[in-house]
Amino acid sequence: MHIPKAVKGAVTIPDSVTEIGIRAFSGCTGLESITIPESVTSIGRSAFSGCSSIQSMTIPFVGGSRKTANDTYQYPFGYIFGESSFSGASRVTQYYYGNSTSSTTYTTYYIPDSLKSVTVTGGEILYGAFYDCSGLTSVTIPDSVTSIGRVAFYDCTGLKSVYYKGTPAKWKSVSIGSYNTGLTNAAKYYFSDVEPDEAKWQESENWWHYDDVTGEIAIWEKKS
C-alpha cells in the first residue's frame, strides 16, 4: 500500500491490510500517529521515512516482520524509518543480527525526534530492538513477550514509563538480557481493565487501563 503525502493526523490501518510496502508513508510530514493491526505481516524498509511529525505508533512487531531469536535479519525499530536523513530526525546507529545469528551488524537509521510513544502488540523484542532510541519516553509491551534481548533498550535514556499488558508476577517471569538499564530504570505500570482492588494495590501502586472515551492509556488512581 502507498499513501498520499497529504495524509494528516491519526491513521488506523484496516484489518484487511497484510503488508505495508517500501516507503509507503514516505514524506507524510503531517502524519501524527499510526495504528498498524496484527493482520500486517510485513513492513517495508523506509515505510515511514520523512514522517517528521509522528508522535506515537502502534506496531504488530519490531522491524520488518515477526522474527525469533533463531532467525536471521532481526531488523531493529529504525528499519521502518530507513537510512536517509530528513529534517526533524536524529541519526541512530542500531546493532542487530543480520545475515548471521553468531555475530551482529549495525545500520544507521534516521528516527523522527517527534516520536515519543511506541506500543508493540505482538512478536518478540529481540537483540537491539530499540537500541539508542533515546527520544522515546514510553513503550507498551504485550504480555505475550517472554524475553527481552540483550541491548534491546540500550541507551534509551529518555524512557520514563513502561506499560506492560500483564501483571507484576508475569513481568517478573520475563527474562531480560543485559545492558537494558533504559528499560529496567523506567517506571513500570501493569494492566487492569477494571479498577484495581486492594489485593492488586498490594502487588503494585502502578496500574493502567485504556480510557473508555479516548482509548488512550490512563493511570488508575488509588482512592484513599
N, C-alpha and C. Protein backbone atom coordinates (compact mmCIF):
# COMPACT_ATOMS: atom_id res chain seq x y z
N MET A 1 0.84 -1.19 0.00
CA MET A 1 0.00 0.00 0.00
C MET A 1 0.88 1.25 0.00
N HIS A 2 0.41 2.27 -0.70
CA HIS A 2 1.10 3.55 -0.75
C HIS A 2 0.10 4.66 -0.43
N ILE A 3 0.52 5.60 0.37
CA ILE A 3 -0.36 6.61 0.93
C ILE A 3 -0.03 7.98 0.36
N PRO A 4 -1.05 8.81 0.03
CA PRO A 4 -0.77 10.18 -0.43
C PRO A 4 -0.02 10.98 0.63
N LYS A 5 0.93 11.79 0.21
CA LYS A 5 1.73 12.57 1.16
C LYS A 5 0.90 13.58 1.94
N ALA A 6 -0.29 13.86 1.48
CA ALA A 6 -1.14 14.85 2.15
C ALA A 6 -1.83 14.30 3.40
N VAL A 7 -1.68 13.01 3.69
CA VAL A 7 -2.35 12.43 4.86
C VAL A 7 -1.89 13.16 6.12
N LYS A 8 -2.87 13.41 7.03
CA LYS A 8 -2.57 14.16 8.25
C LYS A 8 -3.22 13.49 9.45
N GLY A 9 -2.71 13.85 10.64
CA GLY A 9 -3.32 13.41 11.89
C GLY A 9 -3.10 11.95 12.19
N ALA A 10 -4.15 11.32 12.72
CA ALA A 10 -4.08 9.92 13.14
C ALA A 10 -4.62 9.00 12.05
N VAL A 11 -3.91 7.92 11.82
CA VAL A 11 -4.31 6.94 10.82
C VAL A 11 -4.37 5.56 11.46
N THR A 12 -5.47 4.84 11.21
CA THR A 12 -5.61 3.45 11.63
C THR A 12 -5.72 2.58 10.39
N ILE A 13 -4.79 1.67 10.23
CA ILE A 13 -4.78 0.76 9.09
C ILE A 13 -5.86 -0.30 9.30
N PRO A 14 -6.70 -0.59 8.30
CA PRO A 14 -7.74 -1.61 8.48
C PRO A 14 -7.18 -3.03 8.57
N ASP A 15 -7.95 -3.92 9.19
CA ASP A 15 -7.53 -5.30 9.39
C ASP A 15 -7.37 -6.08 8.08
N SER A 16 -7.93 -5.55 7.01
CA SER A 16 -7.83 -6.23 5.71
C SER A 16 -6.43 -6.11 5.10
N VAL A 17 -5.61 -5.20 5.63
CA VAL A 17 -4.26 -4.98 5.09
C VAL A 17 -3.30 -6.00 5.69
N THR A 18 -2.48 -6.61 4.85
CA THR A 18 -1.50 -7.60 5.32
C THR A 18 -0.06 -7.17 5.10
N GLU A 19 0.15 -6.11 4.34
CA GLU A 19 1.51 -5.68 4.03
C GLU A 19 1.57 -4.17 3.85
N ILE A 20 2.61 -3.55 4.38
CA ILE A 20 2.87 -2.14 4.15
C ILE A 20 4.17 -2.06 3.36
N GLY A 21 4.09 -1.49 2.19
CA GLY A 21 5.21 -1.54 1.26
C GLY A 21 6.36 -0.61 1.58
N ILE A 22 7.45 -0.80 0.85
CA ILE A 22 8.62 0.06 0.96
C ILE A 22 8.22 1.52 0.71
N ARG A 23 8.60 2.39 1.64
CA ARG A 23 8.36 3.84 1.54
C ARG A 23 6.87 4.19 1.41
N ALA A 24 6.01 3.34 1.93
CA ALA A 24 4.56 3.54 1.79
C ALA A 24 4.09 4.89 2.31
N PHE A 25 4.60 5.32 3.46
CA PHE A 25 4.20 6.59 4.07
C PHE A 25 5.31 7.64 3.95
N SER A 26 6.28 7.39 3.11
CA SER A 26 7.42 8.29 2.99
C SER A 26 7.00 9.71 2.65
N GLY A 27 7.52 10.65 3.44
CA GLY A 27 7.23 12.06 3.18
C GLY A 27 5.89 12.54 3.70
N CYS A 28 5.20 11.72 4.48
CA CYS A 28 3.91 12.14 5.05
C CYS A 28 4.19 12.98 6.30
N THR A 29 4.56 14.22 6.08
CA THR A 29 5.00 15.09 7.17
C THR A 29 3.87 15.48 8.12
N GLY A 30 2.62 15.29 7.73
CA GLY A 30 1.50 15.63 8.60
C GLY A 30 1.00 14.47 9.43
N LEU A 31 1.57 13.28 9.23
CA LEU A 31 1.15 12.11 9.99
C LEU A 31 1.59 12.24 11.45
N GLU A 32 0.64 12.12 12.37
CA GLU A 32 0.95 12.30 13.79
C GLU A 32 0.92 11.01 14.59
N SER A 33 0.07 10.07 14.19
CA SER A 33 0.06 8.77 14.86
C SER A 33 -0.46 7.72 13.89
N ILE A 34 -0.03 6.49 14.12
CA ILE A 34 -0.49 5.40 13.26
C ILE A 34 -0.69 4.15 14.09
N THR A 35 -1.76 3.42 13.76
CA THR A 35 -2.05 2.13 14.39
C THR A 35 -2.05 1.07 13.30
N ILE A 36 -1.14 0.12 13.43
CA ILE A 36 -1.00 -0.96 12.45
C ILE A 36 -1.52 -2.24 13.09
N PRO A 37 -2.50 -2.91 12.47
CA PRO A 37 -3.10 -4.10 13.08
C PRO A 37 -2.21 -5.33 12.98
N GLU A 38 -2.56 -6.36 13.73
CA GLU A 38 -1.78 -7.60 13.72
C GLU A 38 -1.96 -8.40 12.43
N SER A 39 -2.91 -7.99 11.60
CA SER A 39 -3.06 -8.64 10.29
C SER A 39 -1.88 -8.34 9.38
N VAL A 40 -1.16 -7.27 9.66
CA VAL A 40 0.01 -6.89 8.85
C VAL A 40 1.18 -7.80 9.22
N THR A 41 1.75 -8.47 8.22
CA THR A 41 2.84 -9.41 8.46
C THR A 41 4.19 -8.89 7.98
N SER A 42 4.19 -7.79 7.23
CA SER A 42 5.47 -7.21 6.81
C SER A 42 5.34 -5.71 6.63
N ILE A 43 6.41 -5.01 7.01
CA ILE A 43 6.50 -3.56 6.84
C ILE A 43 7.79 -3.29 6.08
N GLY A 44 7.68 -2.61 4.96
CA GLY A 44 8.83 -2.39 4.10
C GLY A 44 9.85 -1.42 4.66
N ARG A 45 11.07 -1.56 4.20
CA ARG A 45 12.15 -0.66 4.58
C ARG A 45 11.75 0.79 4.27
N SER A 46 12.04 1.68 5.18
CA SER A 46 11.79 3.12 5.00
C SER A 46 10.32 3.46 4.82
N ALA A 47 9.43 2.59 5.31
CA ALA A 47 7.99 2.82 5.15
C ALA A 47 7.55 4.17 5.71
N PHE A 48 8.25 4.65 6.77
CA PHE A 48 7.87 5.90 7.42
C PHE A 48 8.98 6.95 7.36
N SER A 49 9.83 6.84 6.38
CA SER A 49 10.88 7.84 6.18
C SER A 49 10.26 9.20 5.92
N GLY A 50 10.79 10.22 6.59
CA GLY A 50 10.30 11.58 6.37
C GLY A 50 9.05 11.93 7.13
N CYS A 51 8.55 11.03 7.98
CA CYS A 51 7.35 11.32 8.79
C CYS A 51 7.77 12.13 10.01
N SER A 52 8.05 13.38 9.79
CA SER A 52 8.70 14.22 10.80
C SER A 52 7.80 14.71 11.92
N SER A 53 6.50 14.44 11.82
CA SER A 53 5.57 14.90 12.88
C SER A 53 4.99 13.76 13.69
N ILE A 54 5.38 12.53 13.38
CA ILE A 54 4.76 11.39 14.06
C ILE A 54 5.14 11.37 15.54
N GLN A 55 4.13 11.18 16.38
CA GLN A 55 4.33 11.22 17.83
C GLN A 55 4.15 9.86 18.49
N SER A 56 3.28 9.03 17.91
CA SER A 56 3.03 7.72 18.52
C SER A 56 2.75 6.68 17.44
N MET A 57 3.12 5.44 17.75
CA MET A 57 2.92 4.32 16.83
C MET A 57 2.45 3.09 17.59
N THR A 58 1.54 2.35 16.98
CA THR A 58 1.18 1.02 17.45
C THR A 58 1.58 0.05 16.35
N ILE A 59 2.49 -0.88 16.68
CA ILE A 59 3.04 -1.78 15.68
C ILE A 59 2.87 -3.24 16.10
N PRO A 60 2.67 -4.15 15.14
CA PRO A 60 2.44 -5.56 15.50
C PRO A 60 3.72 -6.33 15.81
N PHE A 61 4.87 -5.73 15.53
CA PHE A 61 6.18 -6.32 15.79
C PHE A 61 7.23 -5.24 15.62
N VAL A 62 8.44 -5.51 16.03
CA VAL A 62 9.55 -4.57 15.84
C VAL A 62 10.32 -5.00 14.59
N GLY A 63 10.60 -4.05 13.69
CA GLY A 63 11.35 -4.35 12.48
C GLY A 63 10.45 -4.56 11.27
N GLY A 64 10.93 -5.40 10.33
CA GLY A 64 10.20 -5.58 9.09
C GLY A 64 9.17 -6.69 9.10
N SER A 65 9.32 -7.64 10.03
CA SER A 65 8.38 -8.76 10.15
C SER A 65 8.63 -9.46 11.47
N ARG A 66 7.75 -10.40 11.82
CA ARG A 66 7.94 -11.15 13.06
C ARG A 66 9.16 -12.06 12.94
N LYS A 67 10.01 -12.00 13.93
CA LYS A 67 11.20 -12.83 13.96
C LYS A 67 11.36 -13.46 15.33
N THR A 68 12.14 -14.55 15.37
CA THR A 68 12.54 -15.15 16.64
C THR A 68 14.05 -15.01 16.79
N ALA A 69 14.54 -15.39 17.95
CA ALA A 69 15.98 -15.28 18.21
C ALA A 69 16.80 -16.21 17.32
N ASN A 70 16.15 -17.17 16.69
CA ASN A 70 16.86 -18.12 15.81
C ASN A 70 16.89 -17.67 14.36
N ASP A 71 16.21 -16.57 14.05
CA ASP A 71 16.12 -16.10 12.67
C ASP A 71 17.25 -15.13 12.33
N THR A 72 17.56 -15.06 11.05
CA THR A 72 18.46 -14.02 10.56
C THR A 72 17.64 -12.77 10.23
N TYR A 73 18.34 -11.68 10.01
CA TYR A 73 17.73 -10.40 9.66
C TYR A 73 16.65 -9.97 10.66
N GLN A 74 17.11 -9.90 11.91
CA GLN A 74 16.24 -9.42 13.00
C GLN A 74 16.31 -7.89 13.05
N TYR A 75 15.71 -7.26 12.06
CA TYR A 75 15.85 -5.81 11.95
C TYR A 75 15.29 -5.09 13.16
N PRO A 76 15.97 -4.01 13.58
CA PRO A 76 15.51 -3.23 14.73
C PRO A 76 14.45 -2.20 14.33
N PHE A 77 14.05 -1.41 15.30
CA PHE A 77 12.97 -0.45 15.12
C PHE A 77 13.25 0.55 14.00
N GLY A 78 14.49 1.00 13.87
CA GLY A 78 14.82 2.02 12.88
C GLY A 78 14.62 1.60 11.44
N TYR A 79 14.52 0.30 11.20
CA TYR A 79 14.37 -0.23 9.83
C TYR A 79 13.19 0.42 9.09
N ILE A 80 12.09 0.65 9.79
CA ILE A 80 10.90 1.17 9.12
C ILE A 80 11.00 2.67 8.82
N PHE A 81 12.06 3.32 9.33
CA PHE A 81 12.28 4.73 9.02
C PHE A 81 13.38 4.91 7.97
N GLY A 82 14.27 3.96 7.86
CA GLY A 82 15.25 3.97 6.78
C GLY A 82 16.54 4.72 7.08
N GLU A 83 17.39 4.71 6.09
CA GLU A 83 18.76 5.20 6.23
C GLU A 83 18.98 6.58 5.62
N SER A 84 17.94 7.20 5.10
CA SER A 84 18.07 8.53 4.50
C SER A 84 17.72 9.61 5.52
N SER A 85 18.57 10.61 5.63
CA SER A 85 18.31 11.69 6.59
C SER A 85 17.14 12.55 6.12
N PHE A 86 16.46 13.16 7.08
CA PHE A 86 15.40 14.11 6.77
C PHE A 86 15.26 15.09 7.92
N SER A 87 14.70 16.24 7.64
CA SER A 87 14.55 17.29 8.65
C SER A 87 13.68 16.80 9.79
N GLY A 88 14.14 17.04 11.03
CA GLY A 88 13.37 16.64 12.20
C GLY A 88 13.67 15.22 12.67
N ALA A 89 14.74 14.63 12.13
CA ALA A 89 15.11 13.26 12.54
C ALA A 89 16.52 13.25 13.12
N SER A 90 16.76 12.28 14.00
CA SER A 90 18.09 12.10 14.58
C SER A 90 18.73 10.83 14.05
N ARG A 91 20.04 10.91 13.91
CA ARG A 91 20.84 9.78 13.43
C ARG A 91 21.01 8.77 14.56
N VAL A 92 20.57 7.53 14.32
CA VAL A 92 20.61 6.49 15.35
C VAL A 92 21.28 5.25 14.76
N THR A 93 22.36 4.82 15.38
CA THR A 93 23.04 3.60 14.93
C THR A 93 22.56 2.44 15.79
N GLN A 94 22.01 1.41 15.12
CA GLN A 94 21.44 0.28 15.84
C GLN A 94 22.15 -1.02 15.47
N TYR A 95 22.42 -1.82 16.50
CA TYR A 95 23.07 -3.11 16.33
C TYR A 95 22.02 -4.22 16.37
N TYR A 96 22.20 -5.24 15.55
CA TYR A 96 21.21 -6.33 15.45
C TYR A 96 21.86 -7.52 14.75
N TYR A 97 21.15 -8.63 14.71
CA TYR A 97 21.62 -9.80 13.97
C TYR A 97 21.11 -9.69 12.53
N GLY A 98 22.05 -9.70 11.59
CA GLY A 98 21.71 -9.58 10.18
C GLY A 98 21.72 -10.93 9.48
N ASN A 99 22.73 -11.18 8.65
CA ASN A 99 22.76 -12.44 7.89
C ASN A 99 23.33 -13.60 8.69
N SER A 100 23.59 -13.36 9.97
CA SER A 100 24.11 -14.41 10.84
C SER A 100 23.58 -14.19 12.25
N THR A 101 23.36 -15.29 12.97
CA THR A 101 22.95 -15.17 14.37
C THR A 101 24.13 -15.39 15.32
N SER A 102 25.32 -15.48 14.75
CA SER A 102 26.51 -15.67 15.57
C SER A 102 27.31 -14.38 15.75
N SER A 103 27.04 -13.38 14.90
CA SER A 103 27.71 -12.09 15.05
C SER A 103 26.75 -10.99 14.61
N THR A 104 26.91 -9.82 15.22
CA THR A 104 25.99 -8.72 14.94
C THR A 104 26.53 -7.80 13.84
N THR A 105 25.63 -6.99 13.34
CA THR A 105 25.98 -5.94 12.39
C THR A 105 25.32 -4.65 12.88
N TYR A 106 25.48 -3.58 12.13
CA TYR A 106 24.81 -2.34 12.54
C TYR A 106 24.43 -1.53 11.30
N THR A 107 23.42 -0.69 11.49
CA THR A 107 22.97 0.21 10.44
C THR A 107 22.62 1.54 11.09
N THR A 108 22.89 2.63 10.39
CA THR A 108 22.49 3.95 10.88
C THR A 108 21.16 4.33 10.25
N TYR A 109 20.18 4.56 11.10
CA TYR A 109 18.84 4.96 10.67
C TYR A 109 18.56 6.38 11.11
N TYR A 110 17.47 6.95 10.59
CA TYR A 110 17.04 8.30 10.98
C TYR A 110 15.61 8.21 11.52
N ILE A 111 15.49 8.46 12.83
CA ILE A 111 14.21 8.31 13.54
C ILE A 111 13.70 9.70 13.93
N PRO A 112 12.41 9.97 13.69
CA PRO A 112 11.86 11.30 13.98
C PRO A 112 12.01 11.71 15.45
N ASP A 113 12.42 12.95 15.66
CA ASP A 113 12.54 13.48 17.02
C ASP A 113 11.18 13.60 17.70
N SER A 114 10.13 13.73 16.91
CA SER A 114 8.78 13.91 17.45
C SER A 114 8.22 12.64 18.07
N LEU A 115 8.78 11.48 17.72
CA LEU A 115 8.23 10.20 18.17
C LEU A 115 8.59 9.95 19.63
N LYS A 116 7.56 9.80 20.46
CA LYS A 116 7.77 9.64 21.89
C LYS A 116 7.19 8.33 22.45
N SER A 117 6.17 7.78 21.79
CA SER A 117 5.47 6.63 22.36
C SER A 117 5.31 5.52 21.32
N VAL A 118 5.67 4.29 21.72
CA VAL A 118 5.51 3.13 20.84
C VAL A 118 4.80 2.02 21.61
N THR A 119 3.76 1.47 20.99
CA THR A 119 3.06 0.31 21.53
C THR A 119 3.34 -0.88 20.63
N VAL A 120 3.87 -1.94 21.21
CA VAL A 120 4.11 -3.18 20.48
C VAL A 120 3.03 -4.18 20.88
N THR A 121 2.31 -4.74 19.90
CA THR A 121 1.19 -5.63 20.23
C THR A 121 1.52 -7.11 20.06
N GLY A 122 2.67 -7.43 19.43
CA GLY A 122 2.99 -8.84 19.21
C GLY A 122 4.47 -9.03 18.90
N GLY A 123 4.82 -10.26 18.57
CA GLY A 123 6.20 -10.57 18.24
C GLY A 123 7.10 -10.60 19.47
N GLU A 124 8.39 -10.72 19.22
CA GLU A 124 9.39 -10.74 20.28
C GLU A 124 10.17 -9.42 20.28
N ILE A 125 10.74 -9.10 21.42
CA ILE A 125 11.60 -7.92 21.50
C ILE A 125 13.04 -8.46 21.57
N LEU A 126 13.70 -8.44 20.44
CA LEU A 126 14.96 -9.15 20.28
C LEU A 126 16.17 -8.24 20.50
N TYR A 127 17.34 -8.80 20.33
CA TYR A 127 18.60 -8.09 20.49
C TYR A 127 18.58 -6.76 19.73
N GLY A 128 18.86 -5.67 20.45
CA GLY A 128 18.99 -4.36 19.82
C GLY A 128 17.72 -3.74 19.30
N ALA A 129 16.57 -4.25 19.68
CA ALA A 129 15.29 -3.81 19.10
C ALA A 129 15.13 -2.28 19.10
N PHE A 130 15.36 -1.64 20.24
CA PHE A 130 15.22 -0.18 20.35
C PHE A 130 16.56 0.46 20.70
N TYR A 131 17.63 -0.14 20.27
CA TYR A 131 18.98 0.33 20.60
C TYR A 131 19.13 1.83 20.29
N ASP A 132 19.54 2.59 21.31
CA ASP A 132 19.84 4.02 21.16
C ASP A 132 18.63 4.88 20.81
N CYS A 133 17.43 4.41 21.10
CA CYS A 133 16.22 5.23 20.87
C CYS A 133 16.01 6.15 22.07
N SER A 134 16.89 7.10 22.21
CA SER A 134 16.90 7.97 23.39
C SER A 134 15.73 8.94 23.42
N GLY A 135 15.05 9.13 22.31
CA GLY A 135 13.93 10.06 22.26
C GLY A 135 12.63 9.49 22.77
N LEU A 136 12.53 8.17 22.85
CA LEU A 136 11.29 7.55 23.33
C LEU A 136 11.10 7.81 24.81
N THR A 137 9.87 8.16 25.19
CA THR A 137 9.56 8.37 26.61
C THR A 137 8.66 7.28 27.18
N SER A 138 7.93 6.56 26.31
CA SER A 138 7.10 5.47 26.81
C SER A 138 7.02 4.35 25.79
N VAL A 139 6.90 3.13 26.31
CA VAL A 139 6.73 1.95 25.45
C VAL A 139 5.73 1.03 26.12
N THR A 140 4.87 0.42 25.30
CA THR A 140 3.89 -0.55 25.80
C THR A 140 4.27 -1.92 25.28
N ILE A 141 4.37 -2.89 26.20
CA ILE A 141 4.86 -4.23 25.88
C ILE A 141 3.75 -5.24 26.12
N PRO A 142 3.50 -6.16 25.17
CA PRO A 142 2.43 -7.15 25.37
C PRO A 142 2.83 -8.22 26.36
N ASP A 143 1.83 -8.87 26.98
CA ASP A 143 2.15 -9.91 27.95
C ASP A 143 2.53 -11.22 27.29
N SER A 144 2.51 -11.25 25.95
CA SER A 144 2.96 -12.44 25.23
C SER A 144 4.49 -12.52 25.17
N VAL A 145 5.16 -11.42 25.47
CA VAL A 145 6.62 -11.39 25.45
C VAL A 145 7.17 -12.18 26.65
N THR A 146 8.04 -13.14 26.38
CA THR A 146 8.63 -13.94 27.45
C THR A 146 10.08 -13.58 27.73
N SER A 147 10.71 -12.89 26.78
CA SER A 147 12.09 -12.46 26.99
C SER A 147 12.36 -11.18 26.22
N ILE A 148 13.32 -10.44 26.70
CA ILE A 148 13.75 -9.20 26.05
C ILE A 148 15.25 -9.32 25.82
N GLY A 149 15.65 -9.19 24.56
CA GLY A 149 17.02 -9.46 24.18
C GLY A 149 18.04 -8.48 24.75
N ARG A 150 19.30 -8.89 24.71
CA ARG A 150 20.39 -8.02 25.15
C ARG A 150 20.34 -6.70 24.37
N VAL A 151 20.70 -5.64 25.02
CA VAL A 151 20.79 -4.28 24.48
C VAL A 151 19.53 -3.84 23.72
N ALA A 152 18.40 -4.48 23.98
CA ALA A 152 17.16 -4.10 23.30
C ALA A 152 16.79 -2.65 23.60
N PHE A 153 17.08 -2.21 24.81
CA PHE A 153 16.79 -0.83 25.21
C PHE A 153 18.06 -0.10 25.64
N TYR A 154 19.17 -0.48 25.04
CA TYR A 154 20.45 0.15 25.36
C TYR A 154 20.42 1.64 25.02
N ASP A 155 20.84 2.47 25.95
CA ASP A 155 20.92 3.92 25.77
C ASP A 155 19.56 4.57 25.50
N CYS A 156 18.50 3.94 25.97
CA CYS A 156 17.17 4.58 25.89
C CYS A 156 17.00 5.49 27.09
N THR A 157 17.79 6.55 27.10
CA THR A 157 17.92 7.42 28.27
C THR A 157 16.67 8.26 28.54
N GLY A 158 15.82 8.43 27.54
CA GLY A 158 14.61 9.23 27.73
C GLY A 158 13.41 8.43 28.19
N LEU A 159 13.55 7.11 28.26
CA LEU A 159 12.41 6.25 28.59
C LEU A 159 12.02 6.43 30.05
N LYS A 160 10.78 6.87 30.25
CA LYS A 160 10.28 7.14 31.60
C LYS A 160 9.26 6.11 32.07
N SER A 161 8.43 5.61 31.12
CA SER A 161 7.31 4.75 31.50
C SER A 161 7.24 3.51 30.62
N VAL A 162 7.08 2.35 31.26
CA VAL A 162 6.85 1.09 30.56
C VAL A 162 5.47 0.58 30.97
N TYR A 163 4.60 0.44 29.98
CA TYR A 163 3.25 -0.05 30.22
C TYR A 163 3.20 -1.52 29.78
N TYR A 164 3.07 -2.40 30.76
CA TYR A 164 3.09 -3.83 30.48
C TYR A 164 1.66 -4.35 30.48
N LYS A 165 1.31 -5.16 29.49
CA LYS A 165 -0.08 -5.62 29.33
C LYS A 165 -0.36 -6.84 30.21
N GLY A 166 0.34 -6.99 31.31
CA GLY A 166 0.15 -8.12 32.21
C GLY A 166 0.29 -7.71 33.66
N THR A 167 0.49 -8.69 34.51
CA THR A 167 0.55 -8.48 35.95
C THR A 167 2.00 -8.34 36.42
N PRO A 168 2.20 -7.83 37.64
CA PRO A 168 3.57 -7.77 38.18
C PRO A 168 4.23 -9.15 38.24
N ALA A 169 3.46 -10.19 38.60
CA ALA A 169 4.02 -11.53 38.69
C ALA A 169 4.50 -12.02 37.32
N LYS A 170 3.71 -11.74 36.29
CA LYS A 170 4.10 -12.18 34.95
C LYS A 170 5.32 -11.39 34.46
N TRP A 171 5.40 -10.12 34.80
CA TRP A 171 6.56 -9.32 34.41
C TRP A 171 7.84 -9.90 35.03
N LYS A 172 7.75 -10.36 36.27
CA LYS A 172 8.92 -10.92 36.93
C LYS A 172 9.43 -12.17 36.23
N SER A 173 8.54 -12.84 35.48
CA SER A 173 8.94 -14.06 34.78
C SER A 173 9.59 -13.78 33.43
N VAL A 174 9.55 -12.52 32.97
CA VAL A 174 10.16 -12.15 31.70
C VAL A 174 11.69 -12.11 31.87
N SER A 175 12.39 -12.83 31.01
CA SER A 175 13.85 -12.83 31.05
C SER A 175 14.37 -11.59 30.32
N ILE A 176 15.12 -10.76 31.03
CA ILE A 176 15.62 -9.51 30.47
C ILE A 176 17.13 -9.60 30.31
N GLY A 177 17.59 -9.46 29.07
CA GLY A 177 19.01 -9.55 28.78
C GLY A 177 19.80 -8.38 29.36
N SER A 178 21.11 -8.47 29.28
CA SER A 178 21.99 -7.46 29.86
C SER A 178 21.96 -6.16 29.07
N TYR A 179 22.44 -5.10 29.70
CA TYR A 179 22.54 -3.77 29.11
C TYR A 179 21.19 -3.22 28.69
N ASN A 180 20.23 -3.35 29.59
CA ASN A 180 18.88 -2.84 29.34
C ASN A 180 18.43 -1.90 30.45
N THR A 181 19.37 -1.09 30.96
CA THR A 181 19.01 -0.19 32.06
C THR A 181 17.97 0.85 31.65
N GLY A 182 17.92 1.18 30.36
CA GLY A 182 16.87 2.09 29.90
C GLY A 182 15.49 1.55 30.23
N LEU A 183 15.35 0.23 30.13
CA LEU A 183 14.09 -0.45 30.44
C LEU A 183 13.92 -0.64 31.94
N THR A 184 14.94 -1.18 32.58
CA THR A 184 14.81 -1.53 34.00
C THR A 184 14.69 -0.32 34.91
N ASN A 185 15.23 0.83 34.49
CA ASN A 185 15.15 2.03 35.31
C ASN A 185 13.83 2.79 35.15
N ALA A 186 13.08 2.49 34.10
CA ALA A 186 11.82 3.21 33.86
C ALA A 186 10.73 2.72 34.82
N ALA A 187 9.76 3.58 35.08
CA ALA A 187 8.62 3.21 35.92
C ALA A 187 7.77 2.17 35.19
N LYS A 188 7.35 1.11 35.91
CA LYS A 188 6.53 0.05 35.33
C LYS A 188 5.07 0.23 35.76
N TYR A 189 4.19 0.08 34.78
CA TYR A 189 2.76 0.11 35.03
C TYR A 189 2.16 -1.19 34.51
N TYR A 190 1.23 -1.76 35.27
CA TYR A 190 0.66 -3.06 34.94
C TYR A 190 -0.81 -2.91 34.57
N PHE A 191 -1.28 -3.78 33.70
CA PHE A 191 -2.60 -3.59 33.11
C PHE A 191 -3.72 -4.16 33.98
N SER A 192 -4.79 -3.36 34.11
CA SER A 192 -6.02 -3.83 34.76
C SER A 192 -7.19 -3.14 34.07
N ASP A 193 -8.06 -3.93 33.42
CA ASP A 193 -9.17 -3.31 32.69
C ASP A 193 -10.28 -2.83 33.61
N VAL A 194 -10.24 -3.25 34.87
CA VAL A 194 -11.18 -2.73 35.87
C VAL A 194 -10.37 -2.09 36.99
N GLU A 195 -11.03 -1.25 37.76
CA GLU A 195 -10.33 -0.56 38.84
C GLU A 195 -9.70 -1.57 39.80
N PRO A 196 -8.43 -1.42 40.10
CA PRO A 196 -7.74 -2.40 40.97
C PRO A 196 -8.38 -2.50 42.35
N ASP A 197 -8.46 -3.73 42.86
CA ASP A 197 -8.93 -3.94 44.22
C ASP A 197 -7.74 -3.88 45.18
N GLU A 198 -8.00 -4.08 46.44
CA GLU A 198 -6.94 -3.94 47.44
C GLU A 198 -5.81 -4.93 47.21
N ALA A 199 -6.16 -6.13 46.76
CA ALA A 199 -5.12 -7.14 46.52
C ALA A 199 -4.15 -6.67 45.44
N LYS A 200 -4.69 -6.04 44.39
CA LYS A 200 -3.82 -5.53 43.33
C LYS A 200 -2.97 -4.37 43.82
N TRP A 201 -3.56 -3.49 44.62
CA TRP A 201 -2.78 -2.37 45.13
C TRP A 201 -1.62 -2.84 46.01
N GLN A 202 -1.81 -4.00 46.66
CA GLN A 202 -0.73 -4.54 47.47
C GLN A 202 0.40 -5.09 46.59
N GLU A 203 0.02 -5.55 45.38
CA GLU A 203 1.03 -6.04 44.43
C GLU A 203 1.87 -4.90 43.87
N SER A 204 1.19 -3.80 43.52
CA SER A 204 1.87 -2.65 42.91
C SER A 204 1.03 -1.40 43.09
N GLU A 205 1.69 -0.25 43.09
CA GLU A 205 0.98 1.02 43.16
C GLU A 205 0.77 1.60 41.77
N ASN A 206 1.22 0.91 40.73
CA ASN A 206 1.15 1.42 39.36
C ASN A 206 0.31 0.52 38.47
N TRP A 207 -0.88 1.00 38.10
CA TRP A 207 -1.78 0.25 37.22
C TRP A 207 -2.31 1.18 36.13
N TRP A 208 -2.56 0.60 34.96
CA TRP A 208 -3.07 1.40 33.85
C TRP A 208 -4.21 0.66 33.14
N HIS A 209 -4.92 1.42 32.31
CA HIS A 209 -6.01 0.86 31.51
C HIS A 209 -6.20 1.77 30.31
N TYR A 210 -7.07 1.35 29.39
CA TYR A 210 -7.41 2.20 28.26
C TYR A 210 -8.65 3.01 28.61
N ASP A 211 -8.57 4.33 28.44
CA ASP A 211 -9.69 5.20 28.74
C ASP A 211 -10.90 4.83 27.87
N ASP A 212 -12.07 4.73 28.50
CA ASP A 212 -13.28 4.30 27.78
C ASP A 212 -13.68 5.26 26.67
N VAL A 213 -13.34 6.53 26.82
CA VAL A 213 -13.75 7.55 25.84
C VAL A 213 -12.70 7.74 24.76
N THR A 214 -11.47 7.98 25.17
CA THR A 214 -10.42 8.32 24.21
C THR A 214 -9.66 7.11 23.67
N GLY A 215 -9.70 6.01 24.43
CA GLY A 215 -8.91 4.84 24.04
C GLY A 215 -7.43 4.98 24.35
N GLU A 216 -7.06 6.09 24.97
CA GLU A 216 -5.66 6.34 25.31
C GLU A 216 -5.31 5.67 26.65
N ILE A 217 -4.02 5.52 26.89
CA ILE A 217 -3.56 4.98 28.17
C ILE A 217 -3.93 5.93 29.30
N ALA A 218 -4.47 5.37 30.38
CA ALA A 218 -4.83 6.16 31.56
C ALA A 218 -4.36 5.43 32.80
N ILE A 219 -3.96 6.17 33.81
CA ILE A 219 -3.43 5.59 35.04
C ILE A 219 -4.55 5.50 36.09
N TRP A 220 -4.67 4.34 36.70
CA TRP A 220 -5.62 4.20 37.80
C TRP A 220 -5.08 4.94 39.02
N GLU A 221 -5.96 5.67 39.70
CA GLU A 221 -5.56 6.39 40.92
C GLU A 221 -6.17 5.69 42.12
N LYS A 222 -5.33 5.41 43.10
CA LYS A 222 -5.82 4.73 44.30
C LYS A 222 -6.65 5.68 45.12
N LYS A 223 -7.83 5.19 45.51
CA LYS A 223 -8.73 6.01 46.34
C LYS A 223 -8.34 5.87 47.80
N SER A 224 -8.34 7.05 48.52
CA SER A 224 -7.97 6.97 49.94
C SER A 224 -9.14 6.46 50.77
